[in-house]
């Protein structure tokens, strides 16, 4: 063996080792591209793999392979779906299709931008292994590109996509909260944007839509998509991964193979710690009203028909009350309490048409001093004869609060000293919330209760409160107290009236009944 050949051996050995290491790294990189969740687990040591995330990851890979082009993932909040789908999935897609354009949308620009920044961070940190490099001059966080031609645009739903081509559309939590989801105008705007703008940006060479959300309403983004396009297994277009907090056979075969009653895994709770998982979801259920538990945790929003009254009925009982003469004017109060912060303060009267007319809603988050002052101001404004107060949570303190507020308003000059105060009659609930509210709902159906105008918050509470909810909102309670105060025969025994004074107490109890609302 020559000396030159012998000296070359170490060099050849080092080169071989380097080539082997490089091949091994490339092999690992290719293996990590099996699906987005595998990639996340391999690159990010803080990413916690859980069975439900594995199911989601496999479905995302099936989207890329073209097995279907619409995927809907429904889970409770805070279980890792957005990190997996709205952050790692777009990075993984670009690693596979470097020339594609990805749009990440959400209910707000801030949230969408946060997703876009995370994806860009992955490109900066891990992109070189997959041929991804930021394009020079692509500094905008909302819309950036890589040298291979692809990129990410991050905007809120409803705007920001016109003029931009899209291969992969991510819709991440399109509804901000229940109020947004229950707004017919907001839902209509979202559905119109999806149909008229978002879908029209998809490209013919390769396109897919992946939506992830927590359910809020039967006609929310997920509800409308399934109603219009159907599920894949039913001959429709959408593959649905429905992962309720607690497995329930009513939803069909569980994606995780869980038995009925089994809890959903959580990224911050070890999968094998069933006791902790059960406790977590049990706590969520105990701290949620029934409607929220079914919608947010179980992905099963209750239809509006489950409420005592419909939105349509609430619209139908609106009227101007032209020609109706008030016979007895009153204010009803449901003090904040029982775990709620909203005090109900509702004004109205019994008309000469034998109907109860609801005329004012001054309800809100108030202290005892605030709601009693609001009630006194409303009584003075409407010239009310009486204030009905539910006292289940406050006892005689409620009556004292009203008397004190009236005296304070007179002392300040807001109410003239010569104006006599209305009578204060306390009432105490005798039956449960449902048993009290149902007869009033029936009075609405029988056209015995009408609204003088539009009362958005009051109407929403009546049209969305479910009989199974453990608590009823303050506006419902106060309006119920008003109806029973003005027409007690509507539900004999539902409310026990405190005894009226049998002798003068310094407050007029008869004369004010003849007062009238200033027309």
Protein backbone atom coordinates (compact mmCIF):
# COMPACT_ATOMS: atom_id res chain seq x y z
CA UNK A 1 0.00 0.00 0.00
CA UNK A 2 1.43 3.39 -0.96
CA UNK A 3 1.92 6.12 1.61
CA UNK A 4 -0.34 8.46 -0.38
CA UNK A 5 -3.19 5.91 -0.35
CA UNK A 6 -2.74 5.30 3.35
CA UNK A 7 -2.92 9.02 4.09
CA UNK A 8 -6.14 9.28 2.07
CA UNK A 9 -8.03 6.70 4.11
CA UNK A 10 -8.92 8.95 7.10
CA UNK A 11 -10.24 11.57 4.69
CA UNK A 12 -12.38 9.01 2.92
CA UNK A 13 -13.65 7.67 6.25
CA UNK A 14 -14.65 11.16 7.42
CA UNK A 15 -16.42 11.84 4.16
CA UNK A 16 -18.29 8.56 4.42
CA UNK A 17 -19.36 9.32 7.97
CA UNK A 18 -20.53 12.78 6.93
CA UNK A 19 -22.49 11.37 4.02
CA UNK A 20 -24.07 8.78 6.27
CA UNK A 21 -25.01 11.40 8.84
CA UNK A 22 -26.45 13.64 6.15
CA UNK A 23 -28.44 10.74 4.71
CA UNK A 24 -29.70 9.90 8.18
CA UNK A 25 -30.77 13.51 8.81
CA UNK A 26 -32.56 13.63 5.48
CA UNK A 27 -34.27 10.38 6.27
CA UNK A 28 -35.45 11.74 9.62
CA UNK A 29 -36.62 14.95 7.95
CA UNK A 30 -38.60 12.95 5.39
CA UNK A 31 -40.07 10.78 8.14
CA UNK A 32 -41.17 13.88 10.05
CA UNK A 33 -43.10 14.99 6.96
CA UNK A 34 -45.44 12.04 7.37
CA UNK A 35 -48.02 14.43 8.85
CA UNK A 36 -48.05 17.87 10.54
CA UNK A 37 -48.35 16.53 14.08
CA UNK A 38 -45.40 14.17 13.64
CA UNK A 39 -43.41 17.15 12.32
CA UNK A 40 -44.39 19.26 15.33
CA UNK A 41 -43.43 16.52 17.76
CA UNK A 42 -40.07 15.96 16.05
CA UNK A 43 -39.05 19.60 15.86
CA UNK A 44 -40.59 21.15 18.97
CA UNK A 45 -39.67 19.49 22.27
CA UNK A 46 -42.50 21.36 24.03
CA UNK A 47 -45.19 19.93 21.74
CA UNK A 48 -47.25 17.37 23.67
CA UNK A 49 -48.53 14.53 21.53
CA UNK A 50 -51.97 13.26 22.45
CA UNK A 51 -54.22 10.65 20.79
CA UNK A 52 -56.70 13.20 19.48
CA UNK A 53 -53.89 15.23 17.91
CA UNK A 54 -52.65 12.10 16.16
CA UNK A 55 -56.12 11.62 14.65
CA UNK A 56 -56.17 15.24 13.51
CA UNK A 57 -52.66 14.92 12.04
CA UNK A 58 -53.59 11.86 10.02
CA UNK A 59 -56.66 13.63 8.64
CA UNK A 60 -54.57 16.64 7.61
CA UNK A 61 -52.20 14.33 5.73
CA UNK A 62 -55.19 12.81 3.94
CA UNK A 63 -56.22 16.30 2.84
CA UNK A 64 -52.77 16.83 1.30
CA UNK A 65 -52.98 13.48 -0.49
CA UNK A 66 -56.24 14.55 -2.07
CA UNK A 67 -58.47 11.98 -0.36
CA UNK A 68 -60.88 14.85 0.35
CA UNK A 69 -60.65 18.63 0.09
CA UNK A 70 -62.83 19.75 2.99
CA UNK A 71 -62.02 18.98 6.63
CA UNK A 72 -63.89 20.18 9.71
CA UNK A 73 -62.42 19.65 13.18
CA UNK A 74 -64.74 20.21 16.16
CA UNK A 75 -63.32 20.12 19.68
CA UNK A 76 -63.70 21.89 23.02
CA UNK A 77 -61.52 24.96 23.55
CA UNK A 78 -57.86 24.73 24.54
CA UNK A 79 -57.03 21.18 23.47
CA UNK A 80 -54.29 21.96 20.94
CA UNK A 81 -56.32 22.07 17.72
CA UNK A 82 -55.29 25.58 16.66
CA UNK A 83 -51.58 25.01 17.29
CA UNK A 84 -51.70 21.82 15.25
CA UNK A 85 -53.96 22.97 12.42
CA UNK A 86 -53.48 26.73 12.13
CA UNK A 87 -49.70 26.83 12.81
CA UNK A 88 -47.89 23.53 12.19
CA UNK A 89 -50.12 22.41 9.33
CA UNK A 90 -49.41 25.48 7.11
CA UNK A 91 -45.65 25.11 7.74
CA UNK A 92 -45.86 21.40 6.88
CA UNK A 93 -47.86 22.18 3.74
CA UNK A 94 -45.21 24.64 2.56
CA UNK A 95 -42.50 22.06 3.29
CA UNK A 96 -44.32 19.70 0.93
CA UNK A 97 -45.60 22.30 -1.57
CA UNK A 98 -43.17 25.19 -1.44
CA UNK A 99 -44.89 27.15 -4.17
CA UNK A 100 -48.39 27.14 -2.65
CA UNK A 101 -50.19 30.07 -1.07
CA UNK A 102 -51.76 29.53 2.34
CA UNK A 103 -54.43 31.77 3.90
CA UNK A 104 -54.95 31.62 7.67
CA UNK A 105 -58.15 33.32 8.80
CA UNK A 106 -59.77 33.82 12.18
CA UNK A 107 -62.35 36.01 13.91
CA UNK A 108 -59.80 38.83 14.40
CA UNK A 109 -56.74 40.19 12.66
CA UNK A 110 -54.75 39.87 15.89
CA UNK A 111 -55.39 36.15 16.24
CA UNK A 112 -54.76 35.45 12.56
CA UNK A 113 -51.55 37.52 12.69
CA UNK A 114 -50.38 35.55 15.71
CA UNK A 115 -50.79 32.35 13.71
CA UNK A 116 -48.89 33.86 10.80
CA UNK A 117 -46.00 34.90 13.05
CA UNK A 118 -45.76 31.40 14.48
CA UNK A 119 -45.59 29.86 11.00
CA UNK A 120 -42.92 32.34 9.98
CA UNK A 121 -40.97 31.47 13.11
CA UNK A 122 -40.99 27.82 12.06
CA UNK A 123 -39.67 28.80 8.63
CA UNK A 124 -36.86 30.82 10.19
CA UNK A 125 -35.90 28.04 12.62
CA UNK A 126 -36.56 24.83 10.69
CA UNK A 127 -37.21 25.86 7.10
CA UNK A 128 -33.68 25.25 5.76
CA UNK A 129 -34.12 21.50 6.26
CA UNK A 130 -37.09 21.59 3.87
CA UNK A 131 -35.85 24.12 1.32
CA UNK A 132 -37.81 26.99 2.82
CA UNK A 133 -36.19 30.40 3.07
CA UNK A 134 -37.80 33.79 3.53
CA UNK A 135 -37.85 35.89 0.40
CA UNK A 136 -35.76 39.04 0.63
CA UNK A 137 -37.93 42.08 1.34
CA UNK A 138 -40.83 39.96 2.57
CA UNK A 139 -41.03 41.71 5.90
CA UNK A 140 -44.79 42.13 6.36
CA UNK A 141 -46.05 39.85 9.10
CA UNK A 142 -49.53 39.73 7.60
CA UNK A 143 -48.40 38.62 4.16
CA UNK A 144 -44.98 37.04 3.53
CA UNK A 145 -43.35 34.80 0.93
CA UNK A 146 -40.62 32.20 0.68
CA UNK A 147 -38.08 31.95 -2.15
CA UNK A 148 -39.85 28.94 -3.66
CA UNK A 149 -42.86 31.13 -4.45
CA UNK A 150 -45.27 30.13 -1.70
CA UNK A 151 -46.26 32.12 1.34
CA UNK A 152 -48.81 32.85 4.03
CA UNK A 153 -51.46 35.55 4.35
CA UNK A 154 -53.07 36.02 7.79
CA UNK A 155 -56.32 37.99 8.00
CA UNK A 156 -59.62 38.05 9.84
CA UNK A 157 -62.66 36.43 8.28
CA UNK A 158 -64.68 38.85 6.23
CA UNK A 159 -61.82 40.71 4.60
CA UNK A 160 -58.26 40.62 3.28
CA UNK A 161 -58.40 37.90 0.58
CA UNK A 162 -59.63 39.78 -2.48
CA UNK A 163 -56.88 39.77 -5.09
CA UNK A 164 -54.88 36.97 -3.44
CA UNK A 165 -54.68 33.41 -4.75
CA UNK A 166 -55.09 30.60 -2.24
CA UNK A 167 -54.24 26.90 -2.36
CA UNK A 168 -54.92 26.10 1.28
CA UNK A 169 -57.55 27.97 3.30
CA UNK A 170 -57.49 27.63 7.09
CA UNK A 171 -60.55 28.88 9.01
CA UNK A 172 -59.60 28.99 12.68
CA UNK A 173 -62.40 29.83 15.15
CA UNK A 174 -64.45 32.13 12.88
CA UNK A 175 -66.73 33.21 15.75
CA UNK A 176 -65.37 35.38 18.55
CA UNK A 177 -67.88 34.35 21.21
CA UNK A 178 -71.52 33.45 21.78
CA UNK A 179 -72.73 37.00 21.18
CA UNK A 180 -71.03 37.04 17.80
CA UNK A 181 -72.31 33.59 16.87
CA UNK A 182 -75.87 34.43 17.92
CA UNK A 183 -75.92 37.63 15.89
CA UNK A 184 -77.85 36.88 12.73
CA UNK A 185 -76.10 39.76 10.98
CA UNK A 186 -72.63 38.48 11.95
CA UNK A 187 -73.43 34.95 10.82
CA UNK A 188 -74.82 36.21 7.52
CA UNK A 189 -71.70 38.30 6.91
CA UNK A 190 -69.47 35.29 7.65
CA UNK A 191 -71.39 32.96 5.37
CA UNK A 192 -71.44 35.57 2.60
CA UNK A 193 -67.68 36.13 2.91
CA UNK A 194 -66.97 32.41 2.71
CA UNK A 195 -69.15 31.94 -0.34
CA UNK A 196 -68.44 35.13 -2.27
CA UNK A 197 -64.80 35.82 -1.37
CA UNK A 198 -62.90 32.98 0.31
CA UNK A 199 -63.94 30.14 -1.98
CA UNK A 200 -63.41 32.28 -5.06
CA UNK A 201 -59.70 32.67 -4.23
CA UNK A 202 -59.01 28.92 -4.37
CA UNK A 203 -56.80 27.76 -7.25
CA UNK A 204 -57.66 24.92 -9.67
CA UNK A 205 -54.28 23.15 -9.55
CA UNK A 206 -54.53 22.33 -5.84
CA UNK A 207 -56.92 23.59 -3.19
CA UNK A 208 -58.34 22.56 0.18
CA UNK A 209 -60.29 24.09 3.07
CA UNK A 210 -59.69 23.08 6.68
CA UNK A 211 -61.89 24.59 9.38
CA UNK A 212 -61.47 24.22 13.13
CA UNK A 213 -63.81 25.64 15.69
CA UNK A 214 -65.65 25.36 18.94
CA UNK A 215 -69.40 25.17 18.27
CA UNK A 216 -71.66 28.00 19.37
CA UNK A 217 -74.85 27.96 17.35
CA UNK A 218 -76.79 25.63 15.09
CA UNK A 219 -76.20 28.03 12.20
CA UNK A 220 -72.56 28.87 12.97
CA UNK A 221 -69.83 28.31 10.37
CA UNK A 222 -69.73 24.55 10.90
CA UNK A 223 -73.50 24.22 11.09
CA UNK A 224 -74.06 26.03 7.82
CA UNK A 225 -71.33 24.12 5.98
CA UNK A 226 -72.78 20.78 7.00
CA UNK A 227 -76.33 21.88 6.27
CA UNK A 228 -75.41 23.02 2.77
CA UNK A 229 -72.70 20.54 1.73
CA UNK A 230 -73.15 17.55 4.01
CA UNK A 231 -70.79 15.02 5.56
CA UNK A 232 -68.50 12.82 3.54
CA UNK A 233 -70.00 9.60 4.91
CA UNK A 234 -73.47 10.77 3.88
CA UNK A 235 -72.43 11.53 0.33
CA UNK A 236 -71.51 15.12 1.13
CA UNK A 237 -68.21 16.95 0.90
CA UNK A 238 -66.93 17.49 4.45
CA UNK A 239 -64.86 15.04 6.45
CA UNK A 240 -65.77 15.77 10.06
CA UNK A 241 -63.66 14.96 13.11
CA UNK A 242 -65.94 15.51 16.06
CA UNK A 243 -64.18 15.14 19.40
CA UNK A 244 -66.54 15.90 22.30
CA UNK A 245 -65.15 16.41 25.80
CA UNK A 246 -67.00 13.29 26.92
CA UNK A 247 -67.64 10.48 24.45
CA UNK A 248 -71.31 10.08 23.62
CA UNK A 249 -72.80 7.43 21.32
CA UNK A 250 -75.31 9.95 19.97
CA UNK A 251 -72.48 11.31 17.82
CA UNK A 252 -71.73 7.96 16.21
CA UNK A 253 -68.43 6.05 16.36
CA UNK A 254 -65.88 7.95 18.40
CA UNK A 255 -62.75 8.95 16.41
CA UNK A 256 -60.58 7.79 19.32
CA UNK A 257 -62.52 4.60 19.93
CA UNK A 258 -63.58 5.85 23.36
CA UNK A 259 -66.33 4.19 25.31
CA UNK A 260 -69.35 6.32 26.28
CA UNK A 261 -68.39 8.63 29.12
CA UNK A 262 -64.63 8.52 28.47
CA UNK A 263 -62.89 11.91 28.64
CA UNK A 264 -61.06 13.65 25.83
CA UNK A 265 -57.28 13.86 26.30
CA UNK A 266 -55.78 17.25 27.10
CA UNK A 267 -52.28 18.51 26.16
CA UNK A 268 -51.53 19.52 29.75
CA UNK A 269 -52.81 16.34 31.42
CA UNK A 270 -51.08 12.96 30.98
CA UNK A 271 -53.22 10.72 28.78
CA UNK A 272 -53.12 7.86 31.28
CA UNK A 273 -54.28 10.08 34.15
CA UNK A 274 -57.96 9.37 33.63
CA UNK A 275 -58.90 10.66 37.06
CA UNK A 276 -57.42 14.08 36.29
CA UNK A 277 -59.05 14.18 32.85
CA UNK A 278 -62.46 13.28 34.24
CA UNK A 279 -62.06 15.90 36.96
CA UNK A 280 -61.08 18.56 34.41
CA UNK A 281 -64.10 18.04 32.18
CA UNK A 282 -66.41 17.58 35.16
CA UNK A 283 -65.28 20.96 36.47
CA UNK A 284 -65.95 22.56 33.09
CA UNK A 285 -69.42 21.07 33.08
CA UNK A 286 -70.19 22.20 36.62
CA UNK A 287 -69.11 25.77 35.86
CA UNK A 288 -71.01 26.02 32.56
CA UNK A 289 -74.69 26.45 31.93
CA UNK A 290 -76.14 23.45 30.15
CA UNK A 291 -76.36 25.23 26.82
CA UNK A 292 -72.67 26.17 26.89
CA UNK A 293 -71.60 22.69 27.93
CA UNK A 294 -73.43 21.09 25.01
CA UNK A 295 -72.21 23.65 22.49
CA UNK A 296 -68.62 24.37 23.52
CA UNK A 297 -67.56 21.11 25.16
CA UNK A 298 -69.69 18.56 23.30
CA UNK A 299 -69.90 20.31 19.94
CA UNK A 300 -73.66 19.96 19.99
CA UNK A 301 -75.38 23.38 20.10
CA UNK A 302 -79.01 23.15 21.06
CA UNK A 303 -81.47 24.40 18.45
CA UNK A 304 -83.41 27.57 19.12
CA UNK A 305 -86.56 25.46 19.30
CA UNK A 306 -85.29 24.14 22.62
CA UNK A 307 -85.85 27.55 24.17
CA UNK A 308 -89.14 28.47 25.82
CA UNK A 309 -90.00 30.90 23.03
CA UNK A 310 -88.70 31.51 19.53
CA UNK A 311 -87.08 34.60 18.10
CA UNK A 312 -89.98 34.80 15.69
CA UNK A 313 -92.49 34.95 18.53
CA UNK A 314 -90.52 37.73 20.21
CA UNK A 315 -90.65 39.69 16.98
CA UNK A 316 -94.37 39.09 16.59
CA UNK A 317 -95.27 40.46 20.01
CA UNK A 318 -93.58 43.80 19.30
CA UNK A 319 -96.13 46.59 18.97
CA UNK A 320 -96.45 50.34 19.34
CA UNK A 321 -99.36 50.05 21.82
CA UNK A 322 -101.22 52.83 20.00
CA UNK A 323 -104.52 53.51 21.73
CA UNK A 324 -103.88 51.30 24.77
CA UNK A 325 -104.48 53.04 28.08
CA UNK A 326 -102.34 51.96 31.06
CA UNK A 327 -104.35 50.73 34.03
CA UNK A 328 -101.51 49.88 36.39
CA UNK A 329 -97.88 50.87 35.88
CA UNK A 330 -95.06 48.96 37.55
CA UNK A 331 -91.34 48.28 37.68
CA UNK A 332 -90.04 44.78 38.40
CA UNK A 333 -86.60 44.01 39.78
CA UNK A 334 -84.60 40.82 39.97
CA UNK A 335 -81.55 41.73 42.08
CA UNK A 336 -78.17 40.35 41.06
CA UNK A 337 -77.44 37.21 43.00
CA UNK A 338 -77.45 33.45 42.79
CA UNK A 339 -74.13 33.47 40.95
CA UNK A 340 -75.14 36.18 38.42
CA UNK A 341 -73.91 39.75 38.13
CA UNK A 342 -76.79 41.07 36.00
CA UNK A 343 -79.70 42.68 37.80
CA UNK A 344 -82.99 42.71 35.93
CA UNK A 345 -84.89 46.03 35.94
CA UNK A 346 -87.98 45.94 33.72
CA UNK A 347 -90.79 48.47 33.39
CA UNK A 348 -94.29 48.01 32.02
CA UNK A 349 -97.99 48.25 32.66
CA UNK A 350 -101.30 46.43 32.48
CA UNK A 351 -103.31 47.98 29.65
CA UNK A 352 -107.02 48.39 29.22
CA UNK A 353 -106.73 45.61 26.65
CA UNK A 354 -105.87 43.20 29.54
CA UNK A 355 -102.34 42.72 28.21
CA UNK A 356 -99.07 43.31 29.99
CA UNK A 357 -96.95 45.75 28.01
CA UNK A 358 -93.19 45.73 28.60
CA UNK A 359 -91.98 49.26 28.01
CA UNK A 360 -88.46 49.58 29.45
CA UNK A 361 -85.37 47.48 30.11
CA UNK A 362 -82.77 49.05 32.40
CA UNK A 363 -81.08 45.77 33.32
CA UNK A 364 -77.33 45.49 33.63
CA UNK A 365 -74.36 44.53 35.77
CA UNK A 366 -75.07 46.53 38.91
CA UNK A 367 -74.52 46.62 42.63
CA UNK A 368 -77.49 46.84 45.00
CA UNK A 369 -77.09 50.61 45.13
CA UNK A 370 -77.06 50.80 41.34
CA UNK A 371 -80.05 48.55 40.59
CA UNK A 372 -82.17 50.16 43.30
CA UNK A 373 -81.32 53.60 41.91
CA UNK A 374 -82.10 52.41 38.37
CA UNK A 375 -85.44 51.04 39.56
CA UNK A 376 -86.34 54.30 41.33
CA UNK A 377 -85.39 56.40 38.33
CA UNK A 378 -87.48 54.19 36.04
CA UNK A 379 -90.43 54.32 38.45
CA UNK A 380 -90.25 58.11 38.51
CA UNK A 381 -89.85 58.33 34.73
CA UNK A 382 -92.87 56.13 34.03
CA UNK A 383 -94.91 57.33 37.01
CA UNK A 384 -95.10 53.75 38.24
CA UNK A 385 -97.51 52.87 41.02
CA UNK A 386 -95.51 49.97 42.40
CA UNK A 387 -92.09 48.31 42.33
CA UNK A 388 -92.08 44.52 42.50
CA UNK A 389 -88.87 43.08 43.88
CA UNK A 390 -87.82 39.46 43.95
CA UNK A 391 -86.14 38.90 47.30
CA UNK A 392 -84.86 35.32 47.09
CA UNK A 393 -81.28 36.47 47.44
CA UNK A 394 -81.64 39.70 49.38
CA UNK A 395 -84.54 39.46 51.79
CA UNK A 396 -85.80 42.71 53.28
CA UNK A 397 -82.55 44.41 52.28
CA UNK A 398 -83.98 44.80 48.79
CA UNK A 399 -86.88 46.92 50.03
CA UNK A 400 -84.51 48.96 52.18
CA UNK A 401 -82.20 49.53 49.21
CA UNK A 402 -85.09 50.90 47.14
CA UNK A 403 -86.34 53.19 49.91
CA UNK A 404 -82.83 54.48 50.49
CA UNK A 405 -82.25 55.15 46.79
CA UNK A 406 -85.54 57.02 46.48
CA UNK A 407 -84.65 59.24 49.43
CA UNK A 408 -81.16 59.82 48.00
CA UNK A 409 -82.56 60.85 44.62
CA UNK A 410 -84.98 63.23 46.31
CA UNK A 411 -82.22 64.69 48.46
CA UNK A 412 -80.15 65.35 45.32
CA UNK A 413 -83.09 67.03 43.64
CA UNK A 414 -83.34 64.50 40.81
CA UNK A 415 -86.78 63.52 42.08
CA UNK A 416 -88.85 66.40 43.48
CA UNK A 417 -89.49 66.13 47.21
CA UNK A 418 -93.26 66.42 46.71
CA UNK A 419 -93.40 63.28 44.53
CA UNK A 420 -94.72 60.35 46.51
CA UNK A 421 -92.75 57.11 46.18
CA UNK A 422 -94.32 54.05 44.60
CA UNK A 423 -95.33 51.13 46.74
CA UNK A 424 -92.70 48.44 47.12
CA UNK A 425 -93.99 44.90 47.06
CA UNK A 426 -91.59 42.04 47.62
CA UNK A 427 -92.16 38.66 46.04
CA UNK A 428 -90.45 35.39 46.72
CA UNK A 429 -90.06 32.52 44.27
CA UNK A 430 -91.95 29.44 45.35
CA UNK A 431 -91.15 27.18 42.41
CA UNK A 432 -88.16 26.56 40.16
CA UNK A 433 -87.06 28.88 37.38
CA UNK A 434 -88.65 26.77 34.66
CA UNK A 435 -91.99 26.41 36.42
CA UNK A 436 -92.13 30.17 36.87
CA UNK A 437 -91.03 31.12 33.35
CA UNK A 438 -93.14 28.63 31.40
CA UNK A 439 -96.53 30.24 32.22
CA UNK A 440 -95.21 33.65 31.16
CA UNK A 441 -93.98 32.14 27.90
CA UNK A 442 -97.48 30.75 27.47
CA UNK A 443 -98.91 34.21 28.07
CA UNK A 444 -96.73 35.43 25.20
CA UNK A 445 -98.03 32.67 22.96
CA UNK A 446 -101.60 33.63 23.89
CA UNK A 447 -100.87 37.29 23.07
CA UNK A 448 -101.29 38.40 26.66
CA UNK A 449 -97.81 39.98 26.78
CA UNK A 450 -96.45 42.47 24.29
CA UNK A 451 -93.29 44.51 23.84
CA UNK A 452 -93.56 48.22 23.20
CA UNK A 453 -90.71 48.37 20.72
CA UNK A 454 -87.54 46.33 20.22
CA UNK A 455 -85.67 44.96 23.25
CA UNK A 456 -82.63 43.23 21.80
CA UNK A 457 -81.13 41.87 25.02
CA UNK A 458 -84.42 40.87 26.60
CA UNK A 459 -85.59 39.15 23.42
CA UNK A 460 -82.29 37.30 23.06
CA UNK A 461 -82.48 36.00 26.62
CA UNK A 462 -86.02 34.72 26.21
CA UNK A 463 -85.28 33.16 22.81
CA UNK A 464 -82.07 31.40 23.83
CA UNK A 465 -82.55 30.38 27.47
CA UNK A 466 -83.02 26.62 27.73
CA UNK A 467 -85.34 25.05 30.29
CA UNK A 468 -82.43 22.85 31.39
CA UNK A 469 -80.20 25.82 32.27
CA UNK A 470 -79.62 25.94 36.04
CA UNK A 471 -80.05 29.72 36.20
CA UNK A 472 -82.20 32.09 34.22
CA UNK A 473 -80.93 35.55 33.24
CA UNK A 474 -81.95 38.65 35.15
CA UNK A 475 -84.11 40.09 32.36
CA UNK A 476 -86.19 36.92 32.16
CA UNK A 477 -86.65 36.83 35.93
CA UNK A 478 -87.59 40.50 36.15
CA UNK A 479 -90.08 40.29 33.28
CA UNK A 480 -91.58 37.19 34.89
CA UNK A 481 -91.98 39.07 38.18
CA UNK A 482 -93.62 41.95 36.28
CA UNK A 483 -96.18 39.70 34.60
CA UNK A 484 -97.08 37.90 37.81
CA UNK A 485 -97.30 41.20 39.66
CA UNK A 486 -99.70 42.68 37.13
CA UNK A 487 -101.73 39.53 36.42
CA UNK A 488 -101.13 37.15 39.36
CA UNK A 489 -103.75 34.71 38.09
CA UNK A 490 -101.38 33.83 35.23
CA UNK A 491 -99.78 31.26 37.48
CA UNK A 492 -101.33 30.96 40.89
CA UNK A 493 -98.80 29.77 43.41
CA UNK A 494 -95.74 30.43 41.32
CA UNK A 495 -94.81 33.46 43.40
CA UNK A 496 -95.69 34.16 47.00
CA UNK A 497 -96.46 37.84 47.56
CA UNK A 498 -95.29 39.31 50.85
CA UNK A 499 -98.19 40.70 52.92
CA UNK A 500 -99.07 44.29 52.10
CA UNK A 501 -99.08 46.80 54.96
CA UNK A 502 -102.43 46.91 56.76
CA UNK A 503 -101.97 50.46 57.93
CA UNK A 504 -100.35 53.61 56.52
CA UNK A 505 -96.57 53.48 56.69
CA UNK A 506 -95.81 56.89 55.28
CA UNK A 507 -95.97 55.62 51.70
CA UNK A 508 -99.00 56.01 49.52
CA UNK A 509 -100.29 52.62 48.36
CA UNK A 510 -103.52 53.46 46.58
CA UNK A 511 -103.35 56.82 44.87
CA UNK A 512 -100.36 56.08 42.64
CA UNK A 513 -102.29 53.29 40.95
CA UNK A 514 -104.13 55.96 39.00
CA UNK A 515 -100.92 57.41 37.56
CA UNK A 516 -100.29 57.16 33.87
CA UNK A 517 -97.28 57.09 31.60
CA UNK A 518 -96.74 60.44 29.94
CA UNK A 519 -97.79 59.86 26.33
